[in-house]
Every structure is written in structure tokens, then in C-alpha cells.
Amino acid sequence: MKVTTEKNEQVANMIFASIYPHYLNRLVKNGRTKEELHQVIEWFTGFDESKVNTLIEEKVTFGTFFQEANIHPNAYLIKGVVCGYRIEEIEDEFEVYKQCRRLEKLIDELAKGRKMEKILRKAA
């Protein structure tokens, strides 16, 4: 599937605080913890739990969320298909969409019981 400018803008304008509870509920339902979710978010974005809570309170968009993030240098190692989109094939011009799908991939792996050492990718 191809990402469009409209799709990228739609995701960029979504409020992070409206999606975060869905991430957390999915993980808790699958036996994972809020702490694990925050560990993954911190690895990927550099945001500690306090910063995530501030961003939630401020109702920032995904566009702002990823603009303020310090994306981990190994994020390029996050590959696979999420919602029908192959992450590594999403063009760089759709940065927000790509980062959102990368975060969702990490959360998917956590929900499926993958070990944290595998989720938090290290360069070979």
C-alpha cells in the first residue's frame, strides 16, 4: 500500500492522548505493563514517563509528538508490516506516518510477548 500526503497529514493531526489509552489497554489485556509501554516509548522517542504525561496533558498531535522526539538511531531496524503498510517501504517524505507505524510495530511486538531485548533493537 502507498502512503499519501492526505494520510500522512491525517495521522500528523491525530491527538496522541486519544490513542495512548488504546496502546495501554491492548498491552494490559495481553499481560504487559504500563512500565513496559513507557520503556518502549522512551527507547524509541527519548521521552520519559513524565514527558509522555506532559504531552498527553497538552493534547499534542502525533506531528508535534514526533517533531519533539529524539528518535533512536536504531529505529531503522524496525521492519515489517503494520496495518497493511511495510514500514521500510514508507517513503521518507511521510516521516510522521512512518514513525507512527514504527511505534505501533514496537507495541505489537510487546503485546505479542516478544522479549524486550529483541524489541529494543541493537545494531549488529
PDB file of N, CA and C in Angstrom:
ATOM      1  N   MET A   1       0.847  -1.191   0.000  1.00  0.00           N
ATOM      2  CA  MET A   1       0.000   0.000   0.000  1.00  0.00           C
ATOM      3  C   MET A   1       0.886   1.246   0.000  1.00  0.00           C
ATOM      4  N   LYS A   2       0.393   2.270  -0.636  1.00  0.00           N
ATOM      5  CA  LYS A   2       1.132   3.532  -0.715  1.00  0.00           C
ATOM      6  C   LYS A   2       0.557   4.540   0.265  1.00  0.00           C
ATOM      7  N   VAL A   3       1.453   5.268   0.938  1.00  0.00           N
ATOM      8  CA  VAL A   3       1.035   6.352   1.820  1.00  0.00           C
ATOM      9  C   VAL A   3       0.812   7.588   0.953  1.00  0.00           C
ATOM     10  N   THR A   4      -0.224   8.337   1.281  1.00  0.00           N
ATOM     11  CA  THR A   4      -0.499   9.578   0.554  1.00  0.00           C
ATOM     12  C   THR A   4      -0.225  10.770   1.466  1.00  0.00           C
ATOM     13  N   THR A   5      -0.106  11.927   0.865  1.00  0.00           N
ATOM     14  CA  THR A   5       0.076  13.158   1.641  1.00  0.00           C
ATOM     15  C   THR A   5      -1.102  13.344   2.595  1.00  0.00           C
ATOM     16  N   GLU A   6      -2.292  13.034   2.120  1.00  0.00           N
ATOM     17  CA  GLU A   6      -3.505  13.183   2.948  1.00  0.00           C
ATOM     18  C   GLU A   6      -3.446  12.258   4.168  1.00  0.00           C
ATOM     19  N   LYS A   7      -3.021  11.013   3.947  1.00  0.00           N
ATOM     20  CA  LYS A   7      -2.930  10.046   5.045  1.00  0.00           C
ATOM     21  C   LYS A   7      -1.890  10.503   6.060  1.00  0.00           C
ATOM     22  N   ASN A   8      -0.749  10.984   5.580  1.00  0.00           N
ATOM     23  CA  ASN A   8       0.304  11.478   6.459  1.00  0.00           C
ATOM     24  C   ASN A   8      -0.209  12.645   7.308  1.00  0.00           C
ATOM     25  N   GLU A   9      -0.929  13.569   6.680  1.00  0.00           N
ATOM     26  CA  GLU A   9      -1.473  14.728   7.397  1.00  0.00           C
ATOM     27  C   GLU A   9      -2.546  14.309   8.395  1.00  0.00           C
ATOM     28  N   GLN A  10      -3.359  13.331   8.006  1.00  0.00           N
ATOM     29  CA  GLN A  10      -4.410  12.838   8.902  1.00  0.00           C
ATOM     30  C   GLN A  10      -3.789  12.282  10.177  1.00  0.00           C
ATOM     31  N   VAL A  11      -2.740  11.481  10.037  1.00  0.00           N
ATOM     32  CA  VAL A  11      -2.062  10.906  11.203  1.00  0.00           C
ATOM     33  C   VAL A  11      -1.355  12.007  11.992  1.00  0.00           C
ATOM     34  N   ALA A  12      -0.709  12.936  11.302  1.00  0.00           N
ATOM     35  CA  ALA A  12       0.008  14.033  11.963  1.00  0.00           C
ATOM     36  C   ALA A  12      -0.927  14.876  12.820  1.00  0.00           C
ATOM     37  N   ASN A  13      -2.205  14.973  12.426  1.00  0.00           N
ATOM     38  CA  ASN A  13      -3.168  15.803  13.158  1.00  0.00           C
ATOM     39  C   ASN A  13      -3.927  15.045  14.254  1.00  0.00           C
ATOM     40  N   MET A  14      -3.708  13.740  14.361  1.00  0.00           N
ATOM     41  CA  MET A  14      -4.360  12.966  15.424  1.00  0.00           C
ATOM     42  C   MET A  14      -3.726  13.332  16.770  1.00  0.00           C
ATOM     43  N   ILE A  15      -4.533  13.358  17.797  1.00  0.00           N
ATOM     44  CA  ILE A  15      -4.058  13.698  19.139  1.00  0.00           C
ATOM     45  C   ILE A  15      -3.488  12.439  19.804  1.00  0.00           C
ATOM     46  N   PHE A  16      -2.237  12.522  20.223  1.00  0.00           N
ATOM     47  CA  PHE A  16      -1.570  11.388  20.867  1.00  0.00           C
ATOM     48  C   PHE A  16      -2.369  10.885  22.064  1.00  0.00           C
ATOM     49  N   ALA A  17      -2.904  11.803  22.863  1.00  0.00           N
ATOM     50  CA  ALA A  17      -3.656  11.428  24.065  1.00  0.00           C
ATOM     51  C   ALA A  17      -4.889  10.587  23.747  1.00  0.00           C
ATOM     52  N   SER A  18      -5.424  10.698  22.536  1.00  0.00           N
ATOM     53  CA  SER A  18      -6.613   9.915  22.181  1.00  0.00           C
ATOM     54  C   SER A  18      -6.247   8.478  21.799  1.00  0.00           C
ATOM     55  N   ILE A  19      -5.003   8.231  21.427  1.00  0.00           N
ATOM     56  CA  ILE A  19      -4.561   6.904  21.008  1.00  0.00           C
ATOM     57  C   ILE A  19      -3.830   6.160  22.132  1.00  0.00           C
ATOM     58  N   TYR A  20      -3.143   6.900  22.974  1.00  0.00           N
ATOM     59  CA  TYR A  20      -2.354   6.300  24.055  1.00  0.00           C
ATOM     60  C   TYR A  20      -3.150   5.284  24.883  1.00  0.00           C
ATOM     61  N   PRO A  21      -4.397   5.590  25.318  1.00  0.00           N
ATOM     62  CA  PRO A  21      -5.151   4.607  26.117  1.00  0.00           C
ATOM     63  C   PRO A  21      -5.378   3.285  25.374  1.00  0.00           C
ATOM     64  N   HIS A  22      -5.509   3.348  24.052  1.00  0.00           N
ATOM     65  CA  HIS A  22      -5.683   2.122  23.260  1.00  0.00           C
ATOM     66  C   HIS A  22      -4.409   1.278  23.299  1.00  0.00           C
ATOM     67  N   TYR A  23      -3.251   1.946  23.200  1.00  0.00           N
ATOM     68  CA  TYR A  23      -1.975   1.240  23.319  1.00  0.00           C
ATOM     69  C   TYR A  23      -1.906   0.529  24.673  1.00  0.00           C
ATOM     70  N   LEU A  24      -2.182   1.289  25.729  1.00  0.00           N
ATOM     71  CA  LEU A  24      -2.070   0.758  27.089  1.00  0.00           C
ATOM     72  C   LEU A  24      -3.058  -0.382  27.329  1.00  0.00           C
ATOM     73  N   ASN A  25      -4.313  -0.215  26.919  1.00  0.00           N
ATOM     74  CA  ASN A  25      -5.327  -1.258  27.122  1.00  0.00           C
ATOM     75  C   ASN A  25      -4.947  -2.549  26.408  1.00  0.00           C
ATOM     76  N   ARG A  26      -4.455  -2.414  25.188  1.00  0.00           N
ATOM     77  CA  ARG A  26      -4.060  -3.603  24.426  1.00  0.00           C
ATOM     78  C   ARG A  26      -2.950  -4.359  25.147  1.00  0.00           C
ATOM     79  N   LEU A  27      -1.985  -3.632  25.660  1.00  0.00           N
ATOM     80  CA  LEU A  27      -0.860  -4.281  26.332  1.00  0.00           C
ATOM     81  C   LEU A  27      -1.281  -4.939  27.640  1.00  0.00           C
ATOM     82  N   VAL A  28      -2.061  -4.220  28.439  1.00  0.00           N
ATOM     83  CA  VAL A  28      -2.516  -4.759  29.723  1.00  0.00           C
ATOM     84  C   VAL A  28      -3.356  -6.012  29.491  1.00  0.00           C
ATOM     85  N   LYS A  29      -4.212  -5.973  28.467  1.00  0.00           N
ATOM     86  CA  LYS A  29      -5.054  -7.128  28.114  1.00  0.00           C
ATOM     87  C   LYS A  29      -4.190  -8.346  27.758  1.00  0.00           C
ATOM     88  N   ASN A  30      -3.001  -8.083  27.241  1.00  0.00           N
ATOM     89  CA  ASN A  30      -2.088  -9.159  26.844  1.00  0.00           C
ATOM     90  C   ASN A  30      -1.022  -9.446  27.900  1.00  0.00           C
ATOM     91  N   GLY A  31      -1.246  -8.974  29.127  1.00  0.00           N
ATOM     92  CA  GLY A  31      -0.354  -9.314  30.232  1.00  0.00           C
ATOM     93  C   GLY A  31       0.911  -8.484  30.322  1.00  0.00           C
ATOM     94  N   ARG A  32       0.976  -7.369  29.604  1.00  0.00           N
ATOM     95  CA  ARG A  32       2.138  -6.485  29.700  1.00  0.00           C
ATOM     96  C   ARG A  32       1.781  -5.303  30.602  1.00  0.00           C
ATOM     97  N   THR A  33       2.767  -4.470  30.913  1.00  0.00           N
ATOM     98  CA  THR A  33       2.550  -3.407  31.895  1.00  0.00           C
ATOM     99  C   THR A  33       2.726  -2.013  31.289  1.00  0.00           C
ATOM    100  N   LYS A  34       2.211  -1.039  32.027  1.00  0.00           N
ATOM    101  CA  LYS A  34       2.393   0.366  31.654  1.00  0.00           C
ATOM    102  C   LYS A  34       3.880   0.705  31.641  1.00  0.00           C
ATOM    103  N   GLU A  35       4.621   0.150  32.588  1.00  0.00           N
ATOM    104  CA  GLU A  35       6.059   0.407  32.663  1.00  0.00           C
ATOM    105  C   GLU A  35       6.769  -0.081  31.401  1.00  0.00           C
ATOM    106  N   GLU A  36       6.347  -1.236  30.900  1.00  0.00           N
ATOM    107  CA  GLU A  36       6.944  -1.763  29.669  1.00  0.00           C
ATOM    108  C   GLU A  36       6.608  -0.865  28.474  1.00  0.00           C
ATOM    109  N   LEU A  37       5.367  -0.383  28.424  1.00  0.00           N
ATOM    110  CA  LEU A  37       4.980   0.542  27.364  1.00  0.00           C
ATOM    111  C   LEU A  37       5.879   1.771  27.401  1.00  0.00           C
ATOM    112  N   HIS A  38       6.084   2.311  28.595  1.00  0.00           N
ATOM    113  CA  HIS A  38       6.905   3.517  28.718  1.00  0.00           C
ATOM    114  C   HIS A  38       8.379   3.233  28.418  1.00  0.00           C
ATOM    115  N   GLN A  39       8.823   2.039  28.711  1.00  0.00           N
ATOM    116  CA  GLN A  39      10.201   1.667  28.367  1.00  0.00           C
ATOM    117  C   GLN A  39      10.380   1.688  26.845  1.00  0.00           C
ATOM    118  N   VAL A  40       9.404   1.147  26.127  1.00  0.00           N
ATOM    119  CA  VAL A  40       9.455   1.122  24.662  1.00  0.00           C
ATOM    120  C   VAL A  40       9.367   2.550  24.102  1.00  0.00           C
ATOM    121  N   ILE A  41       8.438   3.353  24.630  1.00  0.00           N
ATOM    122  CA  ILE A  41       8.297   4.735  24.159  1.00  0.00           C
ATOM    123  C   ILE A  41       9.574   5.516  24.419  1.00  0.00           C
ATOM    124  N   GLU A  42      10.165   5.325  25.598  1.00  0.00           N
ATOM    125  CA  GLU A  42      11.395   6.056  25.925  1.00  0.00           C
ATOM    126  C   GLU A  42      12.544   5.639  25.009  1.00  0.00           C
ATOM    127  N   TRP A  43      12.662   4.338  24.742  1.00  0.00           N
ATOM    128  CA  TRP A  43      13.723   3.881  23.837  1.00  0.00           C
ATOM    129  C   TRP A  43      13.541   4.523  22.460  1.00  0.00           C
ATOM    130  N   PHE A  44      12.315   4.522  21.960  1.00  0.00           N
ATOM    131  CA  PHE A  44      12.044   4.992  20.603  1.00  0.00           C
ATOM    132  C   PHE A  44      12.125   6.516  20.470  1.00  0.00           C
ATOM    133  N   THR A  45      11.577   7.255  21.451  1.00  0.00           N
ATOM    134  CA  THR A  45      11.438   8.710  21.322  1.00  0.00           C
ATOM    135  C   THR A  45      12.358   9.525  22.222  1.00  0.00           C
ATOM    136  N   GLY A  46      12.878   8.895  23.272  1.00  0.00           N
ATOM    137  CA  GLY A  46      13.658   9.643  24.260  1.00  0.00           C
ATOM    138  C   GLY A  46      12.795  10.265  25.347  1.00  0.00           C
ATOM    139  N   PHE A  47      11.459  10.109  25.267  1.00  0.00           N
ATOM    140  CA  PHE A  47      10.552  10.694  26.256  1.00  0.00           C
ATOM    141  C   PHE A  47      10.421   9.770  27.467  1.00  0.00           C
ATOM    142  N   ASP A  48      10.729  10.294  28.655  1.00  0.00           N
ATOM    143  CA  ASP A  48      10.469   9.510  29.868  1.00  0.00           C
ATOM    144  C   ASP A  48       8.972   9.611  30.199  1.00  0.00           C
ATOM    145  N   GLU A  49       8.550   8.874  31.219  1.00  0.00           N
ATOM    146  CA  GLU A  49       7.120   8.819  31.554  1.00  0.00           C
ATOM    147  C   GLU A  49       6.565  10.201  31.878  1.00  0.00           C
ATOM    148  N   SER A  50       7.342  11.013  32.567  1.00  0.00           N
ATOM    149  CA  SER A  50       6.914  12.364  32.921  1.00  0.00           C
ATOM    150  C   SER A  50       6.648  13.199  31.663  1.00  0.00           C
ATOM    151  N   LYS A  51       7.541  13.116  30.692  1.00  0.00           N
ATOM    152  CA  LYS A  51       7.381  13.868  29.440  1.00  0.00           C
ATOM    153  C   LYS A  51       6.167  13.356  28.657  1.00  0.00           C
ATOM    154  N   VAL A  52       5.980  12.030  28.623  1.00  0.00           N
ATOM    155  CA  VAL A  52       4.812  11.464  27.937  1.00  0.00           C
ATOM    156  C   VAL A  52       3.538  11.995  28.578  1.00  0.00           C
ATOM    157  N   ASN A  53       3.500  12.011  29.913  1.00  0.00           N
ATOM    158  CA  ASN A  53       2.317  12.516  30.615  1.00  0.00           C
ATOM    159  C   ASN A  53       2.069  13.988  30.304  1.00  0.00           C
ATOM    160  N   THR A  54       3.138  14.773  30.207  1.00  0.00           N
ATOM    161  CA  THR A  54       3.005  16.190  29.845  1.00  0.00           C
ATOM    162  C   THR A  54       2.427  16.331  28.442  1.00  0.00           C
ATOM    163  N   LEU A  55       2.924  15.536  27.504  1.00  0.00           N
ATOM    164  CA  LEU A  55       2.429  15.588  26.125  1.00  0.00           C
ATOM    165  C   LEU A  55       0.962  15.176  26.051  1.00  0.00           C
ATOM    166  N   ILE A  56       0.579  14.216  26.882  1.00  0.00           N
ATOM    167  CA  ILE A  56      -0.822  13.787  26.947  1.00  0.00           C
ATOM    168  C   ILE A  56      -1.685  14.936  27.481  1.00  0.00           C
ATOM    169  N   GLU A  57      -1.236  15.562  28.561  1.00  0.00           N
ATOM    170  CA  GLU A  57      -1.982  16.683  29.156  1.00  0.00           C
ATOM    171  C   GLU A  57      -2.118  17.843  28.172  1.00  0.00           C
ATOM    172  N   GLU A  58      -1.071  18.091  27.389  1.00  0.00           N
ATOM    173  CA  GLU A  58      -1.081  19.188  26.418  1.00  0.00           C
ATOM    174  C   GLU A  58      -1.866  18.842  25.153  1.00  0.00           C
ATOM    175  N   LYS A  59      -2.297  17.582  25.065  1.00  0.00           N
ATOM    176  CA  LYS A  59      -3.048  17.102  23.906  1.00  0.00           C
ATOM    177  C   LYS A  59      -2.331  17.405  22.585  1.00  0.00           C
ATOM    178  N   VAL A  60      -1.040  17.063  22.543  1.00  0.00           N
ATOM    179  CA  VAL A  60      -0.255  17.302  21.328  1.00  0.00           C
ATOM    180  C   VAL A  60      -0.668  16.322  20.234  1.00  0.00           C
ATOM    181  N   THR A  61      -0.457  16.739  19.004  1.00  0.00           N
ATOM    182  CA  THR A  61      -0.723  15.878  17.860  1.00  0.00           C
ATOM    183  C   THR A  61       0.465  14.934  17.672  1.00  0.00           C
ATOM    184  N   PHE A  62       0.262  13.884  16.865  1.00  0.00           N
ATOM    185  CA  PHE A  62       1.372  12.997  16.534  1.00  0.00           C
ATOM    186  C   PHE A  62       2.468  13.773  15.803  1.00  0.00           C
ATOM    187  N   GLY A  63       2.073  14.764  15.010  1.00  0.00           N
ATOM    188  CA  GLY A  63       3.062  15.587  14.322  1.00  0.00           C
ATOM    189  C   GLY A  63       4.001  16.253  15.309  1.00  0.00           C
ATOM    190  N   THR A  64       3.434  16.888  16.331  1.00  0.00           N
ATOM    191  CA  THR A  64       4.238  17.540  17.374  1.00  0.00           C
ATOM    192  C   THR A  64       5.000  16.503  18.190  1.00  0.00           C
ATOM    193  N   PHE A  65       4.338  15.408  18.515  1.00  0.00           N
ATOM    194  CA  PHE A  65       4.961  14.335  19.300  1.00  0.00           C
ATOM    195  C   PHE A  65       6.262  13.881  18.647  1.00  0.00           C
ATOM    196  N   PHE A  66       6.205  13.578  17.351  1.00  0.00           N
ATOM    197  CA  PHE A  66       7.404  13.084  16.667  1.00  0.00           C
ATOM    198  C   PHE A  66       8.386  14.204  16.342  1.00  0.00           C
ATOM    199  N   GLN A  67       7.900  15.425  16.204  1.00  0.00           N
ATOM    200  CA  GLN A  67       8.788  16.566  15.969  1.00  0.00           C
ATOM    201  C   GLN A  67       9.659  16.807  17.192  1.00  0.00           C
ATOM    202  N   GLU A  68       9.097  16.637  18.386  1.00  0.00           N
ATOM    203  CA  GLU A  68       9.839  16.860  19.627  1.00  0.00           C
ATOM    204  C   GLU A  68      10.681  15.653  20.030  1.00  0.00           C
ATOM    205  N   ALA A  69      10.403  14.515  19.433  1.00  0.00           N
ATOM    206  CA  ALA A  69      11.092  13.273  19.809  1.00  0.00           C
ATOM    207  C   ALA A  69      12.535  13.260  19.324  1.00  0.00           C
ATOM    208  N   ASN A  70      13.343  12.529  20.065  1.00  0.00           N
ATOM    209  CA  ASN A  70      14.721  12.247  19.668  1.00  0.00           C
ATOM    210  C   ASN A  70      14.725  10.769  19.269  1.00  0.00           C
ATOM    211  N   ILE A  71      14.350  10.499  18.024  1.00  0.00           N
ATOM    212  CA  ILE A  71      14.174   9.119  17.560  1.00  0.00           C
ATOM    213  C   ILE A  71      15.483   8.344  17.690  1.00  0.00           C
ATOM    214  N   HIS A  72      15.384   7.144  18.232  1.00  0.00           N
ATOM    215  CA  HIS A  72      16.553   6.294  18.464  1.00  0.00           C
ATOM    216  C   HIS A  72      17.276   6.020  17.150  1.00  0.00           C
ATOM    217  N   PRO A  73      18.619   6.066  17.170  1.00  0.00           N
ATOM    218  CA  PRO A  73      19.372   5.829  15.929  1.00  0.00           C
ATOM    219  C   PRO A  73      19.142   4.443  15.316  1.00  0.00           C
ATOM    220  N   ASN A  74      18.688   3.480  16.104  1.00  0.00           N
ATOM    221  CA  ASN A  74      18.431   2.136  15.570  1.00  0.00           C
ATOM    222  C   ASN A  74      16.987   1.947  15.116  1.00  0.00           C
ATOM    223  N   ALA A  75      16.218   3.017  15.055  1.00  0.00           N
ATOM    224  CA  ALA A  75      14.811   2.910  14.628  1.00  0.00           C
ATOM    225  C   ALA A  75      14.696   2.333  13.225  1.00  0.00           C
ATOM    226  N   TYR A  76      15.727   2.534  12.405  1.00  0.00           N
ATOM    227  CA  TYR A  76      15.697   1.997  11.035  1.00  0.00           C
ATOM    228  C   TYR A  76      15.631   0.468  11.026  1.00  0.00           C
ATOM    229  N   LEU A  77      15.964  -0.155  12.155  1.00  0.00           N
ATOM    230  CA  LEU A  77      15.918  -1.617  12.260  1.00  0.00           C
ATOM    231  C   LEU A  77      14.492  -2.143  12.482  1.00  0.00           C
ATOM    232  N   ILE A  78      13.540  -1.245  12.727  1.00  0.00           N
ATOM    233  CA  ILE A  78      12.143  -1.647  12.929  1.00  0.00           C
ATOM    234  C   ILE A  78      11.545  -1.870  11.546  1.00  0.00           C
ATOM    235  N   LYS A  79      11.276  -3.135  11.253  1.00  0.00           N
ATOM    236  CA  LYS A  79      10.768  -3.500   9.929  1.00  0.00           C
ATOM    237  C   LYS A  79       9.554  -4.400  10.084  1.00  0.00           C
ATOM    238  N   GLY A  80       8.831  -4.544   8.988  1.00  0.00           N
ATOM    239  CA  GLY A  80       7.675  -5.427   8.998  1.00  0.00           C
ATOM    240  C   GLY A  80       6.438  -4.707   8.519  1.00  0.00           C
ATOM    241  N   VAL A  81       5.310  -5.393   8.625  1.00  0.00           N
ATOM    242  CA  VAL A  81       4.046  -4.866   8.124  1.00  0.00           C
ATOM    243  C   VAL A  81       3.152  -4.490   9.303  1.00  0.00           C
ATOM    244  N   VAL A  82       2.601  -3.277   9.226  1.00  0.00           N
ATOM    245  CA  VAL A  82       1.629  -2.802  10.211  1.00  0.00           C
ATOM    246  C   VAL A  82       0.481  -2.182   9.423  1.00  0.00           C
ATOM    247  N   CYS A  83      -0.729  -2.653   9.679  1.00  0.00           N
ATOM    248  CA  CYS A  83      -1.927  -2.132   9.011  1.00  0.00           C
ATOM    249  C   CYS A  83      -1.787  -2.147   7.489  1.00  0.00           C
ATOM    250  N   GLY A  84      -1.134  -3.165   6.973  1.00  0.00           N
ATOM    251  CA  GLY A  84      -1.006  -3.301   5.528  1.00  0.00           C
ATOM    252  C   GLY A  84       0.133  -2.511   4.904  1.00  0.00           C
ATOM    253  N   TYR A  85       0.880  -1.777   5.704  1.00  0.00           N
ATOM    254  CA  TYR A  85       1.993  -0.982   5.200  1.00  0.00           C
ATOM    255  C   TYR A  85       3.314  -1.604   5.643  1.00  0.00           C
ATOM    256  N   ARG A  86       4.204  -1.846   4.692  1.00  0.00           N
ATOM    257  CA  ARG A  86       5.547  -2.331   5.018  1.00  0.00           C
ATOM    258  C   ARG A  86       6.356  -1.110   5.429  1.00  0.00           C
ATOM    259  N   ILE A  87       6.767  -1.073   6.694  1.00  0.00           N
ATOM    260  CA  ILE A  87       7.419   0.100   7.272  1.00  0.00           C
ATOM    261  C   ILE A  87       8.619   0.572   6.451  1.00  0.00           C
ATOM    262  N   GLU A  88       9.477  -0.367   6.079  1.00  0.00           N
ATOM    263  CA  GLU A  88      10.702   0.025   5.379  1.00  0.00           C
ATOM    264  C   GLU A  88      10.444   0.558   3.967  1.00  0.00           C
ATOM    265  N   GLU A  89       9.217   0.401   3.462  1.00  0.00           N
ATOM    266  CA  GLU A  89       8.879   0.913   2.137  1.00  0.00           C
ATOM    267  C   GLU A  89       8.149   2.254   2.178  1.00  0.00           C
ATOM    268  N   ILE A  90       7.847   2.742   3.395  1.00  0.00           N
ATOM    269  CA  ILE A  90       7.190   4.053   3.516  1.00  0.00           C
ATOM    270  C   ILE A  90       8.238   5.117   3.199  1.00  0.00           C
ATOM    271  N   GLU A  91       7.915   5.983   2.254  1.00  0.00           N
ATOM    272  CA  GLU A  91       8.866   6.994   1.803  1.00  0.00           C
ATOM    273  C   GLU A  91       9.174   7.998   2.908  1.00  0.00           C
ATOM    274  N   ASP A  92      10.409   8.492   2.911  1.00  0.00           N
ATOM    275  CA  ASP A  92      10.874   9.419   3.946  1.00  0.00           C
ATOM    276  C   ASP A  92      10.066  10.710   4.018  1.00  0.00           C
ATOM    277  N   GLU A  93       9.453  11.103   2.901  1.00  0.00           N
ATOM    278  CA  GLU A  93       8.655  12.333   2.915  1.00  0.00           C
ATOM    279  C   GLU A  93       7.439  12.205   3.838  1.00  0.00           C
ATOM    280  N   PHE A  94       7.058  10.985   4.163  1.00  0.00           N
ATOM    281  CA  PHE A  94       5.925  10.739   5.071  1.00  0.00           C
ATOM    282  C   PHE A  94       6.447  10.331   6.455  1.00  0.00           C
ATOM    283  N   GLU A  95       7.318  11.154   6.987  1.00  0.00           N
ATOM    284  CA  GLU A  95       8.039  10.857   8.225  1.00  0.00           C
ATOM    285  C   GLU A  95       7.112  10.566   9.406  1.00  0.00           C
ATOM    286  N   VAL A  96       6.088  11.384   9.594  1.00  0.00           N
ATOM    287  CA  VAL A  96       5.182  11.189  10.737  1.00  0.00           C
ATOM    288  C   VAL A  96       4.494   9.830  10.626  1.00  0.00           C
ATOM    289  N   TYR A  97       4.016   9.511   9.449  1.00  0.00           N
ATOM    290  CA  TYR A  97       3.328   8.233   9.244  1.00  0.00           C
ATOM    291  C   TYR A  97       4.282   7.075   9.514  1.00  0.00           C
ATOM    292  N   LYS A  98       5.499   7.193   9.031  1.00  0.00           N
ATOM    293  CA  LYS A  98       6.498   6.139   9.218  1.00  0.00           C
ATOM    294  C   LYS A  98       6.813   5.944  10.707  1.00  0.00           C
ATOM    295  N   GLN A  99       7.010   7.046  11.427  1.00  0.00           N
ATOM    296  CA  GLN A  99       7.328   6.945  12.858  1.00  0.00           C
ATOM    297  C   GLN A  99       6.147   6.368  13.639  1.00  0.00           C
ATOM    298  N   CYS A 100       4.947   6.758  13.259  1.00  0.00           N
ATOM    299  CA  CYS A 100       3.749   6.233  13.922  1.00  0.00           C
ATOM    300  C   CYS A 100       3.655   4.719  13.725  1.00  0.00           C
ATOM    301  N   ARG A 101       3.903   4.263  12.518  1.00  0.00           N
ATOM    302  CA  ARG A 101       3.864   2.825  12.236  1.00  0.00           C
ATOM    303  C   ARG A 101       4.991   2.088  12.954  1.00  0.00           C
ATOM    304  N   ARG A 102       6.142   2.719  13.078  1.00  0.00           N
ATOM    305  CA  ARG A 102       7.242   2.098  13.832  1.00  0.00           C
ATOM    306  C   ARG A 102       6.845   1.919  15.298  1.00  0.00           C
ATOM    307  N   LEU A 103       6.254   2.952  15.887  1.00  0.00           N
ATOM    308  CA  LEU A 103       5.809   2.854  17.275  1.00  0.00           C
ATOM    309  C   LEU A 103       4.766   1.752  17.419  1.00  0.00           C
ATOM    310  N   GLU A 104       3.833   1.682  16.486  1.00  0.00           N
ATOM    311  CA  GLU A 104       2.811   0.634  16.535  1.00  0.00           C
ATOM    312  C   GLU A 104       3.429  -0.753  16.403  1.00  0.00           C
ATOM    313  N   LYS A 105       4.457  -0.886  15.594  1.00  0.00           N
ATOM    314  CA  LYS A 105       5.147  -2.177  15.441  1.00  0.00           C
ATOM    315  C   LYS A 105       5.783  -2.599  16.764  1.00  0.00           C
ATOM    316  N   LEU A 106       6.419  -1.656  17.452  1.00  0.00           N
ATOM    317  CA  LEU A 106       7.025  -1.965  18.758  1.00  0.00           C
ATOM    318  C   LEU A 106       5.951  -2.403  19.755  1.00  0.00           C
ATOM    319  N   ILE A 107       4.821  -1.713  19.749  1.00  0.00           N
ATOM    320  CA  ILE A 107       3.723  -2.044  20.664  1.00  0.00           C
ATOM    321  C   ILE A 107       3.126  -3.403  20.297  1.00  0.00           C
ATOM    322  N   ASP A 108       2.993  -3.693  19.003  1.00  0.00           N
ATOM    323  CA  ASP A 108       2.524  -5.011  18.550  1.00  0.00           C
ATOM    324  C   ASP A 108       3.424  -6.115  19.094  1.00  0.00           C
ATOM    325  N   GLU A 109       4.728  -5.915  18.949  1.00  0.00           N
ATOM    326  CA  GLU A 109       5.680  -6.932  19.405  1.00  0.00           C
ATOM    327  C   GLU A 109       5.583  -7.128  20.913  1.00  0.00           C
ATOM    328  N   LEU A 110       5.431  -6.046  21.644  1.00  0.00           N
ATOM    329  CA  LEU A 110       5.280  -6.127  23.094  1.00  0.00           C
ATOM    330  C   LEU A 110       4.004  -6.898  23.444  1.00  0.00           C
ATOM    331  N   ALA A 111       2.910  -6.574  22.773  1.00  0.00           N
ATOM    332  CA  ALA A 111       1.629  -7.245  23.037  1.00  0.00           C
ATOM    333  C   ALA A 111       1.685  -8.734  22.718  1.00  0.00           C
ATOM    334  N   LYS A 112       2.488  -9.091  21.721  1.00  0.00           N
ATOM    335  CA  LYS A 112       2.595 -10.499  21.326  1.00  0.00           C
ATOM    336  C   LYS A 112       3.585 -11.285  22.184  1.00  0.00           C
ATOM    337  N   GLY A 113       4.157 -10.624  23.189  1.00  0.00           N
ATOM    338  CA  GLY A 113       5.011 -11.332  24.130  1.00  0.00           C
ATOM    339  C   GLY A 113       6.486 -11.401  23.755  1.00  0.00           C
ATOM    340  N   ARG A 114       6.881 -10.629  22.762  1.00  0.00           N
ATOM    341  CA  ARG A 114       8.292 -10.639  22.373  1.00  0.00           C
ATOM    342  C   ARG A 114       9.150 -10.099  23.519  1.00  0.00           C
ATOM    343  N   LYS A 115      10.352 -10.623  23.645  1.00  0.00           N
ATOM    344  CA  LYS A 115      11.255 -10.191  24.713  1.00  0.00           C
ATOM    345  C   LYS A 115      11.720  -8.755  24.475  1.00  0.00           C
ATOM    346  N   MET A 116      11.856  -8.012  25.563  1.00  0.00           N
ATOM    347  CA  MET A 116      12.238  -6.604  25.487  1.00  0.00           C
ATOM    348  C   MET A 116      13.584  -6.428  24.777  1.00  0.00           C
ATOM    349  N   GLU A 117      14.525  -7.365  24.983  1.00  0.00           N
ATOM    350  CA  GLU A 117      15.843  -7.250  24.345  1.00  0.00           C
ATOM    351  C   GLU A 117      15.713  -7.265  22.821  1.00  0.00           C
ATOM    352  N   LYS A 118      14.716  -7.972  22.311  1.00  0.00           N
ATOM    353  CA  LYS A 118      14.500  -8.045  20.856  1.00  0.00           C
ATOM    354  C   LYS A 118      13.759  -6.800  20.358  1.00  0.00           C
ATOM    355  N   ILE A 119      12.841  -6.293  21.158  1.00  0.00           N
ATOM    356  CA  ILE A 119      12.056  -5.123  20.768  1.00  0.00           C
ATOM    357  C   ILE A 119      12.945  -3.889  20.671  1.00  0.00           C
ATOM    358  N   LEU A 120      13.807  -3.709  21.665  1.00  0.00           N
ATOM    359  CA  LEU A 120      14.709  -2.555  21.703  1.00  0.00           C
ATOM    360  C   LEU A 120      15.949  -2.902  20.888  1.00  0.00           C
ATOM    361  N   ARG A 121      15.835  -2.688  19.612  1.00  0.00           N
ATOM    362  CA  ARG A 121      16.845  -3.149  18.651  1.00  0.00           C
ATOM    363  C   ARG A 121      18.234  -2.576  18.899  1.00  0.00           C
ATOM    364  N   LYS A 122      19.203  -3.465  18.669  1.00  0.00           N
ATOM    365  CA  LYS A 122      20.617  -3.081  18.728  1.00  0.00           C
ATOM    366  C   LYS A 122      21.218  -3.350  17.344  1.00  0.00           C
ATOM    367  N   ALA A 123      22.109  -2.461  16.946  1.00  0.00           N
ATOM    368  CA  ALA A 123      22.785  -2.659  15.655  1.00  0.00           C
ATOM    369  C   ALA A 123      23.695  -3.871  15.745  1.00  0.00           C
ATOM    370  N   ALA A 124      23.825  -4.596  14.648  1.00  0.00           N
ATOM    371  CA  ALA A 124      24.639  -5.824  14.639  1.00  0.00           C
ATOM    372  C   ALA A 124      26.116  -5.501  14.742  1.00  0.00           C
TER     373      ALA A 124
END
